[in-house]
Amino acid sequence: MNKQITHEETVTKVMHALESIRPFLNKDGGDIELIDVKDHIVLVKLHGNCNGCPMSFSTMKLGVENTVKQFAPEILEVLAVE
């Protein structure tokens, strides 16, 4: 019998993923904030140099989304909000 993953467990795993990414964003003068986790979609806000950076799309898809999915495989997508 598969154990159902609770929303709180998913949020905790996403937070751990973001904490693991944060030092790399901070090094470039940026940061990331978790806004919401809903229907297996993570909403985040990029701050500092990451907000509006031409590389932010790559950072989101290659760095943030891949890391979040490693920590929380139930996540389908990570989206940046303004």
PDB file of N, CA and C in Angstrom:
ATOM      1  N   MET A   1       0.838  -1.183   0.000  1.00  0.00           N
ATOM      2  CA  MET A   1       0.000   0.000   0.000  1.00  0.00           C
ATOM      3  C   MET A   1       0.885   1.249   0.000  1.00  0.00           C
ATOM      4  N   ASN A   2       0.678   2.135  -0.958  1.00  0.00           N
ATOM      5  CA  ASN A   2       1.467   3.356  -1.056  1.00  0.00           C
ATOM      6  C   ASN A   2       0.996   4.379  -0.032  1.00  0.00           C
ATOM      7  N   LYS A   3       1.959   4.976   0.639  1.00  0.00           N
ATOM      8  CA  LYS A   3       1.639   6.040   1.592  1.00  0.00           C
ATOM      9  C   LYS A   3       1.389   7.327   0.817  1.00  0.00           C
ATOM     10  N   GLN A   4       0.284   7.949   1.088  1.00  0.00           N
ATOM     11  CA  GLN A   4      -0.048   9.226   0.445  1.00  0.00           C
ATOM     12  C   GLN A   4       0.848  10.321   1.030  1.00  0.00           C
ATOM     13  N   ILE A   5       1.491  11.083   0.162  1.00  0.00           N
ATOM     14  CA  ILE A   5       2.348  12.190   0.613  1.00  0.00           C
ATOM     15  C   ILE A   5       1.459  13.382   0.923  1.00  0.00           C
ATOM     16  N   THR A   6       1.601  13.926   2.125  1.00  0.00           N
ATOM     17  CA  THR A   6       0.765  15.062   2.506  1.00  0.00           C
ATOM     18  C   THR A   6       1.314  16.357   1.896  1.00  0.00           C
ATOM     19  N   HIS A   7       0.453  17.340   1.843  1.00  0.00           N
ATOM     20  CA  HIS A   7       0.842  18.663   1.338  1.00  0.00           C
ATOM     21  C   HIS A   7       1.992  19.216   2.189  1.00  0.00           C
ATOM     22  N   GLU A   8       1.906  19.031   3.500  1.00  0.00           N
ATOM     23  CA  GLU A   8       2.946  19.542   4.396  1.00  0.00           C
ATOM     24  C   GLU A   8       4.291  18.869   4.114  1.00  0.00           C
ATOM     25  N   GLU A   9       4.274  17.569   3.840  1.00  0.00           N
ATOM     26  CA  GLU A   9       5.517  16.856   3.519  1.00  0.00           C
ATOM     27  C   GLU A   9       6.124  17.390   2.223  1.00  0.00           C
ATOM     28  N   THR A  10       5.275  17.638   1.232  1.00  0.00           N
ATOM     29  CA  THR A  10       5.760  18.182  -0.034  1.00  0.00           C
ATOM     30  C   THR A  10       6.360  19.560   0.168  1.00  0.00           C
ATOM     31  N   VAL A  11       5.675  20.420   0.915  1.00  0.00           N
ATOM     32  CA  VAL A  11       6.181  21.776   1.173  1.00  0.00           C
ATOM     33  C   VAL A  11       7.524  21.707   1.890  1.00  0.00           C
ATOM     34  N   THR A  12       7.654  20.816   2.860  1.00  0.00           N
ATOM     35  CA  THR A  12       8.914  20.667   3.591  1.00  0.00           C
ATOM     36  C   THR A  12      10.034  20.256   2.644  1.00  0.00           C
ATOM     37  N   LYS A  13       9.770  19.317   1.750  1.00  0.00           N
ATOM     38  CA  LYS A  13      10.793  18.874   0.799  1.00  0.00           C
ATOM     39  C   LYS A  13      11.172  20.004  -0.156  1.00  0.00           C
ATOM     40  N   VAL A  14      10.190  20.788  -0.596  1.00  0.00           N
ATOM     41  CA  VAL A  14      10.460  21.921  -1.487  1.00  0.00           C
ATOM     42  C   VAL A  14      11.315  22.959  -0.761  1.00  0.00           C
ATOM     43  N   MET A  15      11.002  23.222   0.502  1.00  0.00           N
ATOM     44  CA  MET A  15      11.792  24.181   1.287  1.00  0.00           C
ATOM     45  C   MET A  15      13.251  23.717   1.410  1.00  0.00           C
ATOM     46  N   HIS A  16      13.454  22.419   1.662  1.00  0.00           N
ATOM     47  CA  HIS A  16      14.816  21.881   1.741  1.00  0.00           C
ATOM     48  C   HIS A  16      15.537  22.050   0.398  1.00  0.00           C
ATOM     49  N   ALA A  17      14.831  21.822  -0.693  1.00  0.00           N
ATOM     50  CA  ALA A  17      15.423  21.994  -2.024  1.00  0.00           C
ATOM     51  C   ALA A  17      15.852  23.441  -2.234  1.00  0.00           C
ATOM     52  N   LEU A  18      14.977  24.387  -1.880  1.00  0.00           N
ATOM     53  CA  LEU A  18      15.299  25.807  -2.062  1.00  0.00           C
ATOM     54  C   LEU A  18      16.470  26.222  -1.174  1.00  0.00           C
ATOM     55  N   GLU A  19      16.540  25.669   0.032  1.00  0.00           N
ATOM     56  CA  GLU A  19      17.670  25.972   0.913  1.00  0.00           C
ATOM     57  C   GLU A  19      18.985  25.476   0.302  1.00  0.00           C
ATOM     58  N   SER A  20      18.933  24.349  -0.404  1.00  0.00           N
ATOM     59  CA  SER A  20      20.158  23.822  -1.022  1.00  0.00           C
ATOM     60  C   SER A  20      20.609  24.670  -2.212  1.00  0.00           C
ATOM     61  N   ILE A  21      19.675  25.369  -2.839  1.00  0.00           N
ATOM     62  CA  ILE A  21      19.956  26.214  -4.012  1.00  0.00           C
ATOM     63  C   ILE A  21      20.376  27.622  -3.591  1.00  0.00           C
ATOM     64  N   ARG A  22      19.826  28.080  -2.480  1.00  0.00           N
ATOM     65  CA  ARG A  22      19.996  29.482  -2.047  1.00  0.00           C
ATOM     66  C   ARG A  22      21.446  29.974  -2.067  1.00  0.00           C
ATOM     67  N   PRO A  23      22.444  29.205  -1.574  1.00  0.00           N
ATOM     68  CA  PRO A  23      23.826  29.724  -1.585  1.00  0.00           C
ATOM     69  C   PRO A  23      24.328  30.092  -2.983  1.00  0.00           C
ATOM     70  N   PHE A  24      23.907  29.342  -3.996  1.00  0.00           N
ATOM     71  CA  PHE A  24      24.335  29.637  -5.367  1.00  0.00           C
ATOM     72  C   PHE A  24      23.686  30.923  -5.868  1.00  0.00           C
ATOM     73  N   LEU A  25      22.421  31.135  -5.521  1.00  0.00           N
ATOM     74  CA  LEU A  25      21.741  32.369  -5.913  1.00  0.00           C
ATOM     75  C   LEU A  25      22.314  33.562  -5.153  1.00  0.00           C
ATOM     76  N   ASN A  26      22.572  33.371  -3.857  1.00  0.00           N
ATOM     77  CA  ASN A  26      23.140  34.451  -3.030  1.00  0.00           C
ATOM     78  C   ASN A  26      24.499  34.896  -3.563  1.00  0.00           C
ATOM     79  N   LYS A  27      25.286  33.932  -4.052  1.00  0.00           N
ATOM     80  CA  LYS A  27      26.623  34.236  -4.567  1.00  0.00           C
ATOM     81  C   LYS A  27      26.548  35.225  -5.734  1.00  0.00           C
ATOM     82  N   ASP A  28      25.459  35.160  -6.503  1.00  0.00           N
ATOM     83  CA  ASP A  28      25.268  36.069  -7.637  1.00  0.00           C
ATOM     84  C   ASP A  28      24.391  37.266  -7.271  1.00  0.00           C
ATOM     85  N   GLY A  29      24.153  37.469  -5.974  1.00  0.00           N
ATOM     86  CA  GLY A  29      23.366  38.623  -5.535  1.00  0.00           C
ATOM     87  C   GLY A  29      21.873  38.422  -5.648  1.00  0.00           C
ATOM     88  N   GLY A  30      21.432  37.173  -5.693  1.00  0.00           N
ATOM     89  CA  GLY A  30      20.003  36.890  -5.814  1.00  0.00           C
ATOM     90  C   GLY A  30      19.495  36.065  -4.654  1.00  0.00           C
ATOM     91  N   ASP A  31      18.208  35.777  -4.700  1.00  0.00           N
ATOM     92  CA  ASP A  31      17.584  34.935  -3.694  1.00  0.00           C
ATOM     93  C   ASP A  31      16.284  34.391  -4.274  1.00  0.00           C
ATOM     94  N   ILE A  32      15.670  33.454  -3.544  1.00  0.00           N
ATOM     95  CA  ILE A  32      14.433  32.831  -3.993  1.00  0.00           C
ATOM     96  C   ILE A  32      13.503  32.696  -2.812  1.00  0.00           C
ATOM     97  N   GLU A  33      12.211  32.881  -3.061  1.00  0.00           N
ATOM     98  CA  GLU A  33      11.191  32.806  -2.010  1.00  0.00           C
ATOM     99  C   GLU A  33      10.093  31.860  -2.473  1.00  0.00           C
ATOM    100  N   LEU A  34       9.685  30.957  -1.603  1.00  0.00           N
ATOM    101  CA  LEU A  34       8.568  30.069  -1.904  1.00  0.00           C
ATOM    102  C   LEU A  34       7.274  30.844  -1.702  1.00  0.00           C
ATOM    103  N   ILE A  35       6.439  30.876  -2.740  1.00  0.00           N
ATOM    104  CA  ILE A  35       5.154  31.563  -2.661  1.00  0.00           C
ATOM    105  C   ILE A  35       4.045  30.562  -2.340  1.00  0.00           C
ATOM    106  N   ASP A  36       4.009  29.445  -3.061  1.00  0.00           N
ATOM    107  CA  ASP A  36       2.938  28.474  -2.850  1.00  0.00           C
ATOM    108  C   ASP A  36       3.300  27.143  -3.488  1.00  0.00           C
ATOM    109  N   VAL A  37       2.682  26.088  -3.004  1.00  0.00           N
ATOM    110  CA  VAL A  37       2.737  24.768  -3.630  1.00  0.00           C
ATOM    111  C   VAL A  37       1.289  24.341  -3.779  1.00  0.00           C
ATOM    112  N   LYS A  38       0.850  24.177  -5.038  1.00  0.00           N
ATOM    113  CA  LYS A  38      -0.561  23.874  -5.289  1.00  0.00           C
ATOM    114  C   LYS A  38      -0.668  22.970  -6.502  1.00  0.00           C
ATOM    115  N   ASP A  39      -1.386  21.873  -6.346  1.00  0.00           N
ATOM    116  CA  ASP A  39      -1.615  20.927  -7.453  1.00  0.00           C
ATOM    117  C   ASP A  39      -0.303  20.481  -8.095  1.00  0.00           C
ATOM    118  N   HIS A  40       0.695  20.190  -7.273  1.00  0.00           N
ATOM    119  CA  HIS A  40       2.006  19.702  -7.721  1.00  0.00           C
ATOM    120  C   HIS A  40       2.788  20.735  -8.533  1.00  0.00           C
ATOM    121  N   ILE A  41       2.412  22.005  -8.377  1.00  0.00           N
ATOM    122  CA  ILE A  41       3.122  23.118  -9.019  1.00  0.00           C
ATOM    123  C   ILE A  41       3.693  23.993  -7.911  1.00  0.00           C
ATOM    124  N   VAL A  42       4.975  24.350  -8.049  1.00  0.00           N
ATOM    125  CA  VAL A  42       5.633  25.226  -7.069  1.00  0.00           C
ATOM    126  C   VAL A  42       5.719  26.624  -7.667  1.00  0.00           C
ATOM    127  N   LEU A  43       5.280  27.605  -6.886  1.00  0.00           N
ATOM    128  CA  LEU A  43       5.390  29.007  -7.297  1.00  0.00           C
ATOM    129  C   LEU A  43       6.454  29.665  -6.430  1.00  0.00           C
ATOM    130  N   VAL A  44       7.425  30.286  -7.090  1.00  0.00           N
ATOM    131  CA  VAL A  44       8.505  30.965  -6.385  1.00  0.00           C
ATOM    132  C   VAL A  44       8.656  32.376  -6.929  1.00  0.00           C
ATOM    133  N   LYS A  45       9.321  33.205  -6.138  1.00  0.00           N
ATOM    134  CA  LYS A  45       9.645  34.565  -6.582  1.00  0.00           C
ATOM    135  C   LYS A  45      11.148  34.731  -6.484  1.00  0.00           C
ATOM    136  N   LEU A  46      11.744  35.216  -7.564  1.00  0.00           N
ATOM    137  CA  LEU A  46      13.178  35.490  -7.577  1.00  0.00           C
ATOM    138  C   LEU A  46      13.408  36.923  -7.110  1.00  0.00           C
ATOM    139  N   HIS A  47      14.449  37.108  -6.306  1.00  0.00           N
ATOM    140  CA  HIS A  47      14.768  38.431  -5.748  1.00  0.00           C
ATOM    141  C   HIS A  47      16.179  38.847  -6.135  1.00  0.00           C
ATOM    142  N   GLY A  48      16.456  40.132  -5.940  1.00  0.00           N
ATOM    143  CA  GLY A  48      17.797  40.650  -6.177  1.00  0.00           C
ATOM    144  C   GLY A  48      18.181  40.560  -7.642  1.00  0.00           C
ATOM    145  N   ASN A  49      19.445  40.189  -7.883  1.00  0.00           N
ATOM    146  CA  ASN A  49      19.937  40.116  -9.263  1.00  0.00           C
ATOM    147  C   ASN A  49      19.242  39.044 -10.080  1.00  0.00           C
ATOM    148  N   CYS A  50      18.604  38.073  -9.416  1.00  0.00           N
ATOM    149  CA  CYS A  50      17.911  37.006 -10.157  1.00  0.00           C
ATOM    150  C   CYS A  50      16.623  37.512 -10.796  1.00  0.00           C
ATOM    151  N   ASN A  51      16.012  38.527 -10.206  1.00  0.00           N
ATOM    152  CA  ASN A  51      14.757  39.058 -10.735  1.00  0.00           C
ATOM    153  C   ASN A  51      15.040  39.852 -12.001  1.00  0.00           C
ATOM    154  N   GLY A  52      14.557  39.359 -13.128  1.00  0.00           N
ATOM    155  CA  GLY A  52      14.748  40.052 -14.393  1.00  0.00           C
ATOM    156  C   GLY A  52      16.060  39.729 -15.088  1.00  0.00           C
ATOM    157  N   CYS A  53      16.877  38.874 -14.512  1.00  0.00           N
ATOM    158  CA  CYS A  53      18.144  38.482 -15.141  1.00  0.00           C
ATOM    159  C   CYS A  53      17.853  37.687 -16.405  1.00  0.00           C
ATOM    160  N   PRO A  54      18.608  37.923 -17.488  1.00  0.00           N
ATOM    161  CA  PRO A  54      18.390  37.160 -18.719  1.00  0.00           C
ATOM    162  C   PRO A  54      18.566  35.650 -18.529  1.00  0.00           C
ATOM    163  N   MET A  55      19.341  35.248 -17.541  1.00  0.00           N
ATOM    164  CA  MET A  55      19.573  33.826 -17.299  1.00  0.00           C
ATOM    165  C   MET A  55      18.536  33.226 -16.344  1.00  0.00           C
ATOM    166  N   SER A  56      17.586  34.031 -15.873  1.00  0.00           N
ATOM    167  CA  SER A  56      16.666  33.537 -14.845  1.00  0.00           C
ATOM    168  C   SER A  56      15.813  32.375 -15.329  1.00  0.00           C
ATOM    169  N   PHE A  57      15.449  32.353 -16.622  1.00  0.00           N
ATOM    170  CA  PHE A  57      14.661  31.224 -17.128  1.00  0.00           C
ATOM    171  C   PHE A  57      15.479  29.934 -17.044  1.00  0.00           C
ATOM    172  N   SER A  58      16.744  29.999 -17.461  1.00  0.00           N
ATOM    173  CA  SER A  58      17.618  28.824 -17.363  1.00  0.00           C
ATOM    174  C   SER A  58      17.837  28.424 -15.913  1.00  0.00           C
ATOM    175  N   THR A  59      18.030  29.411 -15.053  1.00  0.00           N
ATOM    176  CA  THR A  59      18.201  29.135 -13.628  1.00  0.00           C
ATOM    177  C   THR A  59      16.981  28.400 -13.099  1.00  0.00           C
ATOM    178  N   MET A  60      15.798  28.858 -13.470  1.00  0.00           N
ATOM    179  CA  MET A  60      14.558  28.236 -12.991  1.00  0.00           C
ATOM    180  C   MET A  60      14.443  26.799 -13.477  1.00  0.00           C
ATOM    181  N   LYS A  61      14.591  26.599 -14.789  1.00  0.00           N
ATOM    182  CA  LYS A  61      14.348  25.266 -15.360  1.00  0.00           C
ATOM    183  C   LYS A  61      15.479  24.294 -15.046  1.00  0.00           C
ATOM    184  N   LEU A  62      16.710  24.712 -15.222  1.00  0.00           N
ATOM    185  CA  LEU A  62      17.834  23.793 -15.062  1.00  0.00           C
ATOM    186  C   LEU A  62      18.255  23.643 -13.611  1.00  0.00           C
ATOM    187  N   GLY A  63      18.257  24.738 -12.879  1.00  0.00           N
ATOM    188  CA  GLY A  63      18.726  24.679 -11.501  1.00  0.00           C
ATOM    189  C   GLY A  63      17.617  24.407 -10.506  1.00  0.00           C
ATOM    190  N   VAL A  64      16.693  25.322 -10.412  1.00  0.00           N
ATOM    191  CA  VAL A  64      15.659  25.254  -9.377  1.00  0.00           C
ATOM    192  C   VAL A  64      14.716  24.075  -9.617  1.00  0.00           C
ATOM    193  N   GLU A  65      14.144  23.983 -10.805  1.00  0.00           N
ATOM    194  CA  GLU A  65      13.155  22.929 -11.056  1.00  0.00           C
ATOM    195  C   GLU A  65      13.764  21.534 -10.912  1.00  0.00           C
ATOM    196  N   ASN A  66      14.946  21.319 -11.480  1.00  0.00           N
ATOM    197  CA  ASN A  66      15.580  20.002 -11.365  1.00  0.00           C
ATOM    198  C   ASN A  66      15.873  19.642  -9.914  1.00  0.00           C
ATOM    199  N   THR A  67      16.361  20.605  -9.143  1.00  0.00           N
ATOM    200  CA  THR A  67      16.669  20.343  -7.739  1.00  0.00           C
ATOM    201  C   THR A  67      15.399  20.061  -6.948  1.00  0.00           C
ATOM    202  N   VAL A  68      14.361  20.853  -7.169  1.00  0.00           N
ATOM    203  CA  VAL A  68      13.098  20.636  -6.461  1.00  0.00           C
ATOM    204  C   VAL A  68      12.557  19.240  -6.783  1.00  0.00           C
ATOM    205  N   LYS A  69      12.630  18.837  -8.036  1.00  0.00           N
ATOM    206  CA  LYS A  69      12.119  17.511  -8.424  1.00  0.00           C
ATOM    207  C   LYS A  69      12.962  16.387  -7.816  1.00  0.00           C
ATOM    208  N   GLN A  70      14.249  16.629  -7.584  1.00  0.00           N
ATOM    209  CA  GLN A  70      15.081  15.623  -6.912  1.00  0.00           C
ATOM    210  C   GLN A  70      14.633  15.438  -5.463  1.00  0.00           C
ATOM    211  N   PHE A  71      14.309  16.543  -4.801  1.00  0.00           N
ATOM    212  CA  PHE A  71      13.866  16.497  -3.405  1.00  0.00           C
ATOM    213  C   PHE A  71      12.412  16.029  -3.302  1.00  0.00           C
ATOM    214  N   ALA A  72      11.582  16.459  -4.268  1.00  0.00           N
ATOM    215  CA  ALA A  72      10.138  16.175  -4.233  1.00  0.00           C
ATOM    216  C   ALA A  72       9.686  15.729  -5.628  1.00  0.00           C
ATOM    217  N   PRO A  73       9.854  14.436  -5.930  1.00  0.00           N
ATOM    218  CA  PRO A  73       9.520  13.932  -7.273  1.00  0.00           C
ATOM    219  C   PRO A  73       8.054  14.118  -7.670  1.00  0.00           C
ATOM    220  N   GLU A  74       7.199  14.356  -6.682  1.00  0.00           N
ATOM    221  CA  GLU A  74       5.777  14.562  -6.996  1.00  0.00           C
ATOM    222  C   GLU A  74       5.510  15.918  -7.644  1.00  0.00           C
ATOM    223  N   ILE A  75       6.481  16.832  -7.605  1.00  0.00           N
ATOM    224  CA  ILE A  75       6.328  18.159  -8.225  1.00  0.00           C
ATOM    225  C   ILE A  75       6.425  18.034  -9.742  1.00  0.00           C
ATOM    226  N   LEU A  76       5.496  18.677 -10.438  1.00  0.00           N
ATOM    227  CA  LEU A  76       5.463  18.632 -11.894  1.00  0.00           C
ATOM    228  C   LEU A  76       6.209  19.794 -12.535  1.00  0.00           C
ATOM    229  N   GLU A  77       6.148  20.966 -11.882  1.00  0.00           N
ATOM    230  CA  GLU A  77       6.721  22.166 -12.498  1.00  0.00           C
ATOM    231  C   GLU A  77       7.009  23.210 -11.435  1.00  0.00           C
ATOM    232  N   VAL A  78       8.001  24.061 -11.709  1.00  0.00           N
ATOM    233  CA  VAL A  78       8.307  25.205 -10.861  1.00  0.00           C
ATOM    234  C   VAL A  78       8.152  26.453 -11.726  1.00  0.00           C
ATOM    235  N   LEU A  79       7.348  27.383 -11.264  1.00  0.00           N
ATOM    236  CA  LEU A  79       7.091  28.605 -12.019  1.00  0.00           C
ATOM    237  C   LEU A  79       7.478  29.823 -11.187  1.00  0.00           C
ATOM    238  N   ALA A  80       8.045  30.823 -11.853  1.00  0.00           N
ATOM    239  CA  ALA A  80       8.391  32.087 -11.195  1.00  0.00           C
ATOM    240  C   ALA A  80       7.203  33.045 -11.354  1.00  0.00           C
ATOM    241  N   VAL A  81       6.860  33.726 -10.271  1.00  0.00           N
ATOM    242  CA  VAL A  81       5.814  34.733 -10.306  1.00  0.00           C
ATOM    243  C   VAL A  81       6.428  36.104 -10.048  1.00  0.00           C
ATOM    244  N   GLU A  82       5.751  37.123 -10.501  1.00  0.00           N
ATOM    245  CA  GLU A  82       6.249  38.493 -10.290  1.00  0.00           C
ATOM    246  C   GLU A  82       5.841  39.001  -8.939  1.00  0.00           C
TER     247      GLU A  82
END
